[in-house]
């Protein structure tokens, strides 16, 4: 998926902060972007598909 396209360097940087964040805060941080991604994706195709391409 997008992890393969960004590369191991970028994936490690994004994985580091997510792992450091506690479970309670992690849920809020993951829910915020996940909810905004589908909303923006409906306007011009899912953001995940665009990144994958």
C-alpha atoms as a PDB file:
ATOM      1  CA  UNK A   1       0.000   0.000   0.000  1.00  0.00           C
ATOM      2  CA  UNK A   2       1.147   3.580   0.507  1.00  0.00           C
ATOM      3  CA  UNK A   3       3.774   2.288   2.972  1.00  0.00           C
ATOM      4  CA  UNK A   4       5.571   0.572   0.097  1.00  0.00           C
ATOM      5  CA  UNK A   5       5.433   3.722  -2.020  1.00  0.00           C
ATOM      6  CA  UNK A   6       6.655   6.089   0.743  1.00  0.00           C
ATOM      7  CA  UNK A   7       9.532   3.715   1.518  1.00  0.00           C
ATOM      8  CA  UNK A   8      10.960   2.226   4.727  1.00  0.00           C
ATOM      9  CA  UNK A   9      12.414   5.565   5.864  1.00  0.00           C
ATOM     10  CA  UNK A  10       9.096   7.393   5.779  1.00  0.00           C
ATOM     11  CA  UNK A  11       7.179   4.434   7.218  1.00  0.00           C
ATOM     12  CA  UNK A  12       9.520   4.230  10.216  1.00  0.00           C
ATOM     13  CA  UNK A  13       9.097   7.946  10.912  1.00  0.00           C
ATOM     14  CA  UNK A  14       5.312   7.649  10.788  1.00  0.00           C
ATOM     15  CA  UNK A  15       5.302   4.424  12.805  1.00  0.00           C
ATOM     16  CA  UNK A  16       7.534   5.850  15.546  1.00  0.00           C
ATOM     17  CA  UNK A  17       5.166   8.637  16.702  1.00  0.00           C
ATOM     18  CA  UNK A  18       2.126   6.392  16.456  1.00  0.00           C
ATOM     19  CA  UNK A  19       3.763   3.745  18.659  1.00  0.00           C
ATOM     20  CA  UNK A  20       4.973   6.331  21.173  1.00  0.00           C
ATOM     21  CA  UNK A  21       1.451   7.753  21.548  1.00  0.00           C
ATOM     22  CA  UNK A  22      -0.562   6.015  24.290  1.00  0.00           C
ATOM     23  CA  UNK A  23      -3.533   3.778  23.350  1.00  0.00           C
ATOM     24  CA  UNK A  24      -6.088   6.385  24.408  1.00  0.00           C
ATOM     25  CA  UNK A  25      -4.440   9.221  22.483  1.00  0.00           C
ATOM     26  CA  UNK A  26      -3.569   6.936  19.587  1.00  0.00           C
ATOM     27  CA  UNK A  27      -7.274   6.172  19.057  1.00  0.00           C
ATOM     28  CA  UNK A  28      -8.083   9.888  18.878  1.00  0.00           C
ATOM     29  CA  UNK A  29      -5.184  10.646  16.544  1.00  0.00           C
ATOM     30  CA  UNK A  30      -6.019   7.703  14.278  1.00  0.00           C
ATOM     31  CA  UNK A  31      -9.747   8.469  14.287  1.00  0.00           C
ATOM     32  CA  UNK A  32      -9.233  12.137  13.389  1.00  0.00           C
ATOM     33  CA  UNK A  33      -7.251  11.550  10.161  1.00  0.00           C
ATOM     34  CA  UNK A  34      -9.280   8.470   9.233  1.00  0.00           C
ATOM     35  CA  UNK A  35     -12.532  10.440   9.402  1.00  0.00           C
ATOM     36  CA  UNK A  36     -11.078  13.345   7.410  1.00  0.00           C
ATOM     37  CA  UNK A  37      -9.578  11.053   4.754  1.00  0.00           C
ATOM     38  CA  UNK A  38     -12.863   9.447   3.616  1.00  0.00           C
ATOM     39  CA  UNK A  39     -14.585  12.850   3.599  1.00  0.00           C
ATOM     40  CA  UNK A  40     -11.913  14.335   1.312  1.00  0.00           C
ATOM     41  CA  UNK A  41     -11.761  11.117  -0.709  1.00  0.00           C
ATOM     42  CA  UNK A  42     -15.465  11.371  -1.580  1.00  0.00           C
ATOM     43  CA  UNK A  43     -14.706  14.694  -3.281  1.00  0.00           C
ATOM     44  CA  UNK A  44     -11.905  13.401  -5.517  1.00  0.00           C
ATOM     45  CA  UNK A  45     -11.514   9.651  -5.107  1.00  0.00           C
ATOM     46  CA  UNK A  46     -10.298   7.943  -1.945  1.00  0.00           C
ATOM     47  CA  UNK A  47      -6.991   9.476  -0.783  1.00  0.00           C
ATOM     48  CA  UNK A  48      -5.593   5.989  -0.197  1.00  0.00           C
ATOM     49  CA  UNK A  49      -6.180   5.091  -3.860  1.00  0.00           C
ATOM     50  CA  UNK A  50      -4.512   8.287  -5.038  1.00  0.00           C
ATOM     51  CA  UNK A  51      -1.478   7.610  -2.835  1.00  0.00           C
ATOM     52  CA  UNK A  52      -1.331   3.997  -3.993  1.00  0.00           C
ATOM     53  CA  UNK A  53      -1.331   5.104  -7.636  1.00  0.00           C
END
